[in-house]
Amino acid sequence: MQQPLNFPEFKFNIREHKGTLSIFDAMRKKFLILTPEEWVRQHMISFLVEYKQYPKSLFALEKSIQYNNLLKRFDILILDRSGNPFLLIECKATDVKLSQKTVEQVAVYNKTVGAPYMGISNGKQHIFLAFIRNEQKYEQLSDLPQFQL
Protein backbone atom coordinates (compact mmCIF):
# COMPACT_ATOMS: atom_id res chain seq x y z
CA MET A 1 0.00 0.00 0.00
CA GLN A 2 2.59 2.52 1.02
CA GLN A 3 4.51 2.17 -2.21
CA PRO A 4 6.37 5.19 -3.56
CA LEU A 5 4.30 7.47 -5.74
CA ASN A 6 5.16 10.23 -8.20
CA PHE A 7 4.82 12.85 -5.44
CA PRO A 8 7.22 14.32 -2.91
CA GLU A 9 7.41 12.33 0.33
CA PHE A 10 4.80 13.27 2.93
CA LYS A 11 4.37 12.20 6.55
CA PHE A 12 0.91 10.79 7.25
CA ASN A 13 -0.71 9.69 10.49
CA ILE A 14 -1.51 6.02 9.88
CA ARG A 15 -2.91 3.64 12.48
CA GLU A 16 -4.02 0.03 12.61
CA HIS A 17 -7.16 -1.09 14.38
CA LYS A 18 -8.31 -4.72 14.30
CA GLY A 19 -6.24 -5.45 11.21
CA THR A 20 -7.44 -2.43 9.24
CA LEU A 21 -5.17 0.49 8.37
CA SER A 22 -6.56 4.02 8.54
CA ILE A 23 -5.05 7.34 7.49
CA PHE A 24 -5.83 10.67 9.10
CA ASP A 25 -7.41 13.11 6.66
CA ALA A 26 -6.30 16.54 7.87
CA MET A 27 -8.95 18.27 5.73
CA ARG A 28 -11.89 16.34 7.14
CA LYS A 29 -10.21 15.87 10.53
CA LYS A 30 -10.94 12.16 10.80
CA PHE A 31 -9.40 8.77 10.09
CA LEU A 32 -10.40 7.06 6.84
CA ILE A 33 -9.84 3.46 5.78
CA LEU A 34 -6.55 3.37 3.91
CA THR A 35 -7.55 2.04 0.49
CA PRO A 36 -5.19 2.28 -2.49
CA GLU A 37 -7.33 5.13 -3.86
CA GLU A 38 -7.25 6.97 -0.51
CA TRP A 39 -3.45 6.68 -0.48
CA VAL A 40 -3.33 8.50 -3.83
CA ARG A 41 -5.98 11.05 -2.78
CA GLN A 42 -4.10 12.00 0.41
CA HIS A 43 -0.89 12.48 -1.58
CA MET A 44 -2.66 14.65 -4.14
CA ILE A 45 -4.28 16.81 -1.45
CA SER A 46 -0.95 17.27 0.35
CA PHE A 47 0.80 18.13 -2.91
CA LEU A 48 -1.82 20.70 -3.90
CA VAL A 49 -1.71 22.40 -0.49
CA GLU A 50 2.00 22.20 0.33
CA TYR A 51 3.64 22.57 -3.08
CA LYS A 52 1.08 24.40 -5.21
CA GLN A 53 -0.40 26.64 -2.49
CA TYR A 54 -4.01 25.69 -3.17
CA PRO A 55 -6.00 27.06 -0.16
CA LYS A 56 -7.43 24.33 2.10
CA SER A 57 -10.64 26.31 2.53
CA LEU A 58 -11.47 25.92 -1.18
CA PHE A 59 -11.41 22.10 -1.27
CA ALA A 60 -14.50 19.90 -1.52
CA LEU A 61 -13.74 16.19 -1.02
CA GLU A 62 -15.80 13.15 -2.03
CA LYS A 63 -19.07 14.96 -2.65
CA SER A 64 -22.06 13.51 -4.47
CA ILE A 65 -23.27 14.86 -7.79
CA GLN A 66 -26.15 13.79 -9.98
CA TYR A 67 -25.58 12.96 -13.63
CA ASN A 68 -28.36 11.48 -15.82
CA ASN A 69 -30.36 10.41 -12.75
CA LEU A 70 -27.29 8.60 -11.38
CA LEU A 71 -25.63 9.57 -8.13
CA LYS A 72 -21.87 9.87 -8.63
CA ARG A 73 -19.11 10.93 -6.25
CA PHE A 74 -16.10 13.01 -7.22
CA ASP A 75 -12.78 12.83 -5.32
CA ILE A 76 -11.40 16.38 -5.20
CA LEU A 77 -12.89 19.69 -6.31
CA ILE A 78 -11.07 22.95 -5.79
CA LEU A 79 -13.12 26.12 -6.00
CA ASP A 80 -11.87 29.50 -7.13
CA ARG A 81 -11.99 32.57 -4.87
CA SER A 82 -15.55 33.30 -6.04
CA GLY A 83 -16.74 29.83 -5.03
CA ASN A 84 -16.97 28.51 -8.59
CA PRO A 85 -15.50 25.14 -9.65
CA PHE A 86 -11.86 25.51 -10.70
CA LEU A 87 -10.22 22.04 -10.78
CA LEU A 88 -11.87 18.62 -10.58
CA ILE A 89 -9.54 15.67 -9.83
CA GLU A 90 -10.31 11.95 -9.83
CA CYS A 91 -7.92 9.64 -7.98
CA LYS A 92 -7.42 6.00 -8.88
CA ALA A 93 -5.48 3.17 -7.27
CA THR A 94 -1.93 2.71 -8.54
CA ASP A 95 -2.86 -0.47 -10.40
CA VAL A 96 -5.53 1.33 -12.45
CA LYS A 97 -4.11 2.26 -15.83
CA LEU A 98 -5.01 5.77 -16.95
CA SER A 99 -6.70 5.55 -20.32
CA GLN A 100 -9.22 7.31 -22.52
CA LYS A 101 -11.94 5.55 -20.49
CA THR A 102 -10.72 6.88 -17.14
CA VAL A 103 -10.34 10.40 -18.57
CA GLU A 104 -13.87 10.19 -19.98
CA GLN A 105 -15.17 9.28 -16.50
CA VAL A 106 -13.84 12.58 -15.12
CA ALA A 107 -15.18 14.44 -18.16
CA VAL A 108 -18.65 13.01 -17.47
CA TYR A 109 -18.47 14.20 -13.84
CA ASN A 110 -17.28 17.57 -15.07
CA LYS A 111 -20.35 18.01 -17.29
CA THR A 112 -22.24 18.47 -14.03
CA VAL A 113 -19.50 20.28 -12.08
CA GLY A 114 -18.36 22.68 -14.83
CA ALA A 115 -14.72 23.20 -13.78
CA PRO A 116 -12.42 24.76 -16.40
CA TYR A 117 -9.69 22.27 -15.41
CA MET A 118 -9.74 18.60 -14.56
CA GLY A 119 -7.22 15.94 -13.71
CA ILE A 120 -6.81 12.26 -13.03
CA SER A 121 -4.06 10.48 -11.13
CA ASN A 122 -3.15 6.95 -10.14
CA GLY A 123 -0.29 8.29 -8.04
CA LYS A 124 2.31 7.36 -10.61
CA GLN A 125 0.87 9.15 -13.64
CA HIS A 126 -1.04 12.44 -13.60
CA ILE A 127 -3.06 13.89 -16.48
CA PHE A 128 -4.39 17.45 -16.38
CA LEU A 129 -6.69 19.00 -18.95
CA ALA A 130 -8.18 22.42 -19.69
CA PHE A 131 -11.67 22.75 -21.12
CA ILE A 132 -11.69 24.95 -24.23
CA ARG A 133 -15.26 26.30 -24.10
CA ASN A 134 -15.54 27.78 -27.59
CA GLU A 135 -14.38 24.46 -29.10
CA GLN A 136 -16.17 22.25 -26.53
CA LYS A 137 -13.11 20.04 -26.09
CA TYR A 138 -10.33 19.30 -23.61
CA GLU A 139 -6.67 20.07 -24.20
CA GLN A 140 -3.94 18.30 -22.22
CA LEU A 141 -1.73 20.48 -20.01
CA SER A 142 1.93 19.86 -19.25
CA ASP A 143 1.37 20.58 -15.53
CA LEU A 144 -1.24 21.41 -12.93
CA PRO A 145 -3.03 24.70 -13.50
CA GLN A 146 -1.59 27.40 -11.26
CA PHE A 147 -4.05 28.56 -8.64
CA GLN A 148 -4.65 32.31 -8.81
CA LEU A 149 -3.97 33.73 -5.35
C-alpha atoms as a PDB file:
ATOM      1  CA  MET A   1       0.000   0.000   0.000  1.00  0.00           C
ATOM      2  CA  GLN A   2       2.591   2.519   1.023  1.00  0.00           C
ATOM      3  CA  GLN A   3       4.506   2.171  -2.207  1.00  0.00           C
ATOM      4  CA  PRO A   4       6.373   5.188  -3.562  1.00  0.00           C
ATOM      5  CA  LEU A   5       4.299   7.468  -5.743  1.00  0.00           C
ATOM      6  CA  ASN A   6       5.161  10.230  -8.202  1.00  0.00           C
ATOM      7  CA  PHE A   7       4.820  12.845  -5.441  1.00  0.00           C
ATOM      8  CA  PRO A   8       7.215  14.321  -2.910  1.00  0.00           C
ATOM      9  CA  GLU A   9       7.411  12.334   0.328  1.00  0.00           C
ATOM     10  CA  PHE A  10       4.795  13.269   2.928  1.00  0.00           C
ATOM     11  CA  LYS A  11       4.372  12.195   6.550  1.00  0.00           C
ATOM     12  CA  PHE A  12       0.914  10.792   7.254  1.00  0.00           C
ATOM     13  CA  ASN A  13      -0.706   9.692  10.495  1.00  0.00           C
ATOM     14  CA  ILE A  14      -1.511   6.021   9.882  1.00  0.00           C
ATOM     15  CA  ARG A  15      -2.913   3.639  12.477  1.00  0.00           C
ATOM     16  CA  GLU A  16      -4.015   0.030  12.607  1.00  0.00           C
ATOM     17  CA  HIS A  17      -7.161  -1.089  14.381  1.00  0.00           C
ATOM     18  CA  LYS A  18      -8.307  -4.720  14.303  1.00  0.00           C
ATOM     19  CA  GLY A  19      -6.235  -5.450  11.211  1.00  0.00           C
ATOM     20  CA  THR A  20      -7.439  -2.427   9.242  1.00  0.00           C
ATOM     21  CA  LEU A  21      -5.166   0.487   8.371  1.00  0.00           C
ATOM     22  CA  SER A  22      -6.560   4.023   8.545  1.00  0.00           C
ATOM     23  CA  ILE A  23      -5.053   7.341   7.486  1.00  0.00           C
ATOM     24  CA  PHE A  24      -5.830  10.674   9.101  1.00  0.00           C
ATOM     25  CA  ASP A  25      -7.405  13.108   6.656  1.00  0.00           C
ATOM     26  CA  ALA A  26      -6.305  16.540   7.874  1.00  0.00           C
ATOM     27  CA  MET A  27      -8.949  18.273   5.734  1.00  0.00           C
ATOM     28  CA  ARG A  28     -11.894  16.341   7.139  1.00  0.00           C
ATOM     29  CA  LYS A  29     -10.205  15.866  10.527  1.00  0.00           C
ATOM     30  CA  LYS A  30     -10.939  12.159  10.801  1.00  0.00           C
ATOM     31  CA  PHE A  31      -9.398   8.769  10.094  1.00  0.00           C
ATOM     32  CA  LEU A  32     -10.405   7.055   6.839  1.00  0.00           C
ATOM     33  CA  ILE A  33      -9.836   3.456   5.782  1.00  0.00           C
ATOM     34  CA  LEU A  34      -6.554   3.367   3.909  1.00  0.00           C
ATOM     35  CA  THR A  35      -7.551   2.039   0.493  1.00  0.00           C
ATOM     36  CA  PRO A  36      -5.189   2.278  -2.487  1.00  0.00           C
ATOM     37  CA  GLU A  37      -7.333   5.134  -3.859  1.00  0.00           C
ATOM     38  CA  GLU A  38      -7.255   6.972  -0.514  1.00  0.00           C
ATOM     39  CA  TRP A  39      -3.450   6.682  -0.483  1.00  0.00           C
ATOM     40  CA  VAL A  40      -3.329   8.500  -3.832  1.00  0.00           C
ATOM     41  CA  ARG A  41      -5.982  11.053  -2.777  1.00  0.00           C
ATOM     42  CA  GLN A  42      -4.102  12.002   0.408  1.00  0.00           C
ATOM     43  CA  HIS A  43      -0.886  12.485  -1.577  1.00  0.00           C
ATOM     44  CA  MET A  44      -2.662  14.648  -4.143  1.00  0.00           C
ATOM     45  CA  ILE A  45      -4.282  16.813  -1.453  1.00  0.00           C
ATOM     46  CA  SER A  46      -0.947  17.272   0.347  1.00  0.00           C
ATOM     47  CA  PHE A  47       0.804  18.127  -2.910  1.00  0.00           C
ATOM     48  CA  LEU A  48      -1.821  20.705  -3.902  1.00  0.00           C
ATOM     49  CA  VAL A  49      -1.705  22.401  -0.493  1.00  0.00           C
ATOM     50  CA  GLU A  50       2.005  22.199   0.334  1.00  0.00           C
ATOM     51  CA  TYR A  51       3.638  22.568  -3.083  1.00  0.00           C
ATOM     52  CA  LYS A  52       1.081  24.397  -5.209  1.00  0.00           C
ATOM     53  CA  GLN A  53      -0.396  26.645  -2.489  1.00  0.00           C
ATOM     54  CA  TYR A  54      -4.008  25.691  -3.169  1.00  0.00           C
ATOM     55  CA  PRO A  55      -6.003  27.059  -0.162  1.00  0.00           C
ATOM     56  CA  LYS A  56      -7.432  24.325   2.104  1.00  0.00           C
ATOM     57  CA  SER A  57     -10.636  26.307   2.526  1.00  0.00           C
ATOM     58  CA  LEU A  58     -11.473  25.922  -1.177  1.00  0.00           C
ATOM     59  CA  PHE A  59     -11.405  22.098  -1.269  1.00  0.00           C
ATOM     60  CA  ALA A  60     -14.496  19.896  -1.523  1.00  0.00           C
ATOM     61  CA  LEU A  61     -13.744  16.187  -1.024  1.00  0.00           C
ATOM     62  CA  GLU A  62     -15.799  13.152  -2.032  1.00  0.00           C
ATOM     63  CA  LYS A  63     -19.069  14.961  -2.651  1.00  0.00           C
ATOM     64  CA  SER A  64     -22.063  13.513  -4.467  1.00  0.00           C
ATOM     65  CA  ILE A  65     -23.266  14.861  -7.789  1.00  0.00           C
ATOM     66  CA  GLN A  66     -26.149  13.791  -9.982  1.00  0.00           C
ATOM     67  CA  TYR A  67     -25.584  12.960 -13.630  1.00  0.00           C
ATOM     68  CA  ASN A  68     -28.360  11.480 -15.817  1.00  0.00           C
ATOM     69  CA  ASN A  69     -30.357  10.409 -12.749  1.00  0.00           C
ATOM     70  CA  LEU A  70     -27.293   8.597 -11.378  1.00  0.00           C
ATOM     71  CA  LEU A  71     -25.634   9.573  -8.126  1.00  0.00           C
ATOM     72  CA  LYS A  72     -21.868   9.870  -8.630  1.00  0.00           C
ATOM     73  CA  ARG A  73     -19.109  10.927  -6.251  1.00  0.00           C
ATOM     74  CA  PHE A  74     -16.098  13.014  -7.223  1.00  0.00           C
ATOM     75  CA  ASP A  75     -12.779  12.831  -5.325  1.00  0.00           C
ATOM     76  CA  ILE A  76     -11.404  16.379  -5.197  1.00  0.00           C
ATOM     77  CA  LEU A  77     -12.886  19.688  -6.310  1.00  0.00           C
ATOM     78  CA  ILE A  78     -11.065  22.954  -5.789  1.00  0.00           C
ATOM     79  CA  LEU A  79     -13.122  26.118  -6.000  1.00  0.00           C
ATOM     80  CA  ASP A  80     -11.866  29.502  -7.134  1.00  0.00           C
ATOM     81  CA  ARG A  81     -11.991  32.566  -4.866  1.00  0.00           C
ATOM     82  CA  SER A  82     -15.550  33.303  -6.036  1.00  0.00           C
ATOM     83  CA  GLY A  83     -16.737  29.831  -5.029  1.00  0.00           C
ATOM     84  CA  ASN A  84     -16.973  28.511  -8.594  1.00  0.00           C
ATOM     85  CA  PRO A  85     -15.504  25.144  -9.646  1.00  0.00           C
ATOM     86  CA  PHE A  86     -11.861  25.509 -10.702  1.00  0.00           C
ATOM     87  CA  LEU A  87     -10.223  22.042 -10.785  1.00  0.00           C
ATOM     88  CA  LEU A  88     -11.868  18.615 -10.583  1.00  0.00           C
ATOM     89  CA  ILE A  89      -9.542  15.672  -9.832  1.00  0.00           C
ATOM     90  CA  GLU A  90     -10.313  11.953  -9.832  1.00  0.00           C
ATOM     91  CA  CYS A  91      -7.917   9.643  -7.976  1.00  0.00           C
ATOM     92  CA  LYS A  92      -7.417   6.004  -8.877  1.00  0.00           C
ATOM     93  CA  ALA A  93      -5.478   3.172  -7.266  1.00  0.00           C
ATOM     94  CA  THR A  94      -1.925   2.710  -8.541  1.00  0.00           C
ATOM     95  CA  ASP A  95      -2.864  -0.469 -10.396  1.00  0.00           C
ATOM     96  CA  VAL A  96      -5.532   1.331 -12.453  1.00  0.00           C
ATOM     97  CA  LYS A  97      -4.112   2.260 -15.831  1.00  0.00           C
ATOM     98  CA  LEU A  98      -5.011   5.766 -16.952  1.00  0.00           C
ATOM     99  CA  SER A  99      -6.703   5.552 -20.320  1.00  0.00           C
ATOM    100  CA  GLN A 100      -9.217   7.305 -22.523  1.00  0.00           C
ATOM    101  CA  LYS A 101     -11.943   5.554 -20.495  1.00  0.00           C
ATOM    102  CA  THR A 102     -10.717   6.884 -17.140  1.00  0.00           C
ATOM    103  CA  VAL A 103     -10.343  10.400 -18.570  1.00  0.00           C
ATOM    104  CA  GLU A 104     -13.871  10.191 -19.983  1.00  0.00           C
ATOM    105  CA  GLN A 105     -15.171   9.283 -16.499  1.00  0.00           C
ATOM    106  CA  VAL A 106     -13.835  12.575 -15.120  1.00  0.00           C
ATOM    107  CA  ALA A 107     -15.182  14.444 -18.158  1.00  0.00           C
ATOM    108  CA  VAL A 108     -18.651  13.013 -17.466  1.00  0.00           C
ATOM    109  CA  TYR A 109     -18.468  14.204 -13.843  1.00  0.00           C
ATOM    110  CA  ASN A 110     -17.281  17.575 -15.073  1.00  0.00           C
ATOM    111  CA  LYS A 111     -20.347  18.007 -17.294  1.00  0.00           C
ATOM    112  CA  THR A 112     -22.240  18.467 -14.026  1.00  0.00           C
ATOM    113  CA  VAL A 113     -19.496  20.283 -12.078  1.00  0.00           C
ATOM    114  CA  GLY A 114     -18.362  22.680 -14.829  1.00  0.00           C
ATOM    115  CA  ALA A 115     -14.717  23.196 -13.783  1.00  0.00           C
ATOM    116  CA  PRO A 116     -12.419  24.765 -16.404  1.00  0.00           C
ATOM    117  CA  TYR A 117      -9.690  22.273 -15.411  1.00  0.00           C
ATOM    118  CA  MET A 118      -9.735  18.600 -14.563  1.00  0.00           C
ATOM    119  CA  GLY A 119      -7.223  15.941 -13.708  1.00  0.00           C
ATOM    120  CA  ILE A 120      -6.810  12.262 -13.029  1.00  0.00           C
ATOM    121  CA  SER A 121      -4.061  10.484 -11.125  1.00  0.00           C
ATOM    122  CA  ASN A 122      -3.149   6.954 -10.135  1.00  0.00           C
ATOM    123  CA  GLY A 123      -0.290   8.289  -8.042  1.00  0.00           C
ATOM    124  CA  LYS A 124       2.308   7.361 -10.614  1.00  0.00           C
ATOM    125  CA  GLN A 125       0.873   9.153 -13.641  1.00  0.00           C
ATOM    126  CA  HIS A 126      -1.042  12.436 -13.605  1.00  0.00           C
ATOM    127  CA  ILE A 127      -3.063  13.886 -16.482  1.00  0.00           C
ATOM    128  CA  PHE A 128      -4.393  17.447 -16.380  1.00  0.00           C
ATOM    129  CA  LEU A 129      -6.690  19.003 -18.945  1.00  0.00           C
ATOM    130  CA  ALA A 130      -8.177  22.423 -19.687  1.00  0.00           C
ATOM    131  CA  PHE A 131     -11.673  22.751 -21.117  1.00  0.00           C
ATOM    132  CA  ILE A 132     -11.690  24.950 -24.231  1.00  0.00           C
ATOM    133  CA  ARG A 133     -15.257  26.296 -24.098  1.00  0.00           C
ATOM    134  CA  ASN A 134     -15.535  27.776 -27.589  1.00  0.00           C
ATOM    135  CA  GLU A 135     -14.377  24.461 -29.101  1.00  0.00           C
ATOM    136  CA  GLN A 136     -16.173  22.248 -26.532  1.00  0.00           C
ATOM    137  CA  LYS A 137     -13.109  20.042 -26.089  1.00  0.00           C
ATOM    138  CA  TYR A 138     -10.328  19.297 -23.614  1.00  0.00           C
ATOM    139  CA  GLU A 139      -6.670  20.065 -24.196  1.00  0.00           C
ATOM    140  CA  GLN A 140      -3.936  18.296 -22.219  1.00  0.00           C
ATOM    141  CA  LEU A 141      -1.733  20.482 -20.010  1.00  0.00           C
ATOM    142  CA  SER A 142       1.928  19.855 -19.246  1.00  0.00           C
ATOM    143  CA  ASP A 143       1.373  20.578 -15.529  1.00  0.00           C
ATOM    144  CA  LEU A 144      -1.237  21.412 -12.926  1.00  0.00           C
ATOM    145  CA  PRO A 145      -3.028  24.698 -13.501  1.00  0.00           C
ATOM    146  CA  GLN A 146      -1.587  27.405 -11.256  1.00  0.00           C
ATOM    147  CA  PHE A 147      -4.050  28.561  -8.637  1.00  0.00           C
ATOM    148  CA  GLN A 148      -4.655  32.310  -8.810  1.00  0.00           C
ATOM    149  CA  LEU A 149      -3.969  33.733  -5.350  1.00  0.00           C
END
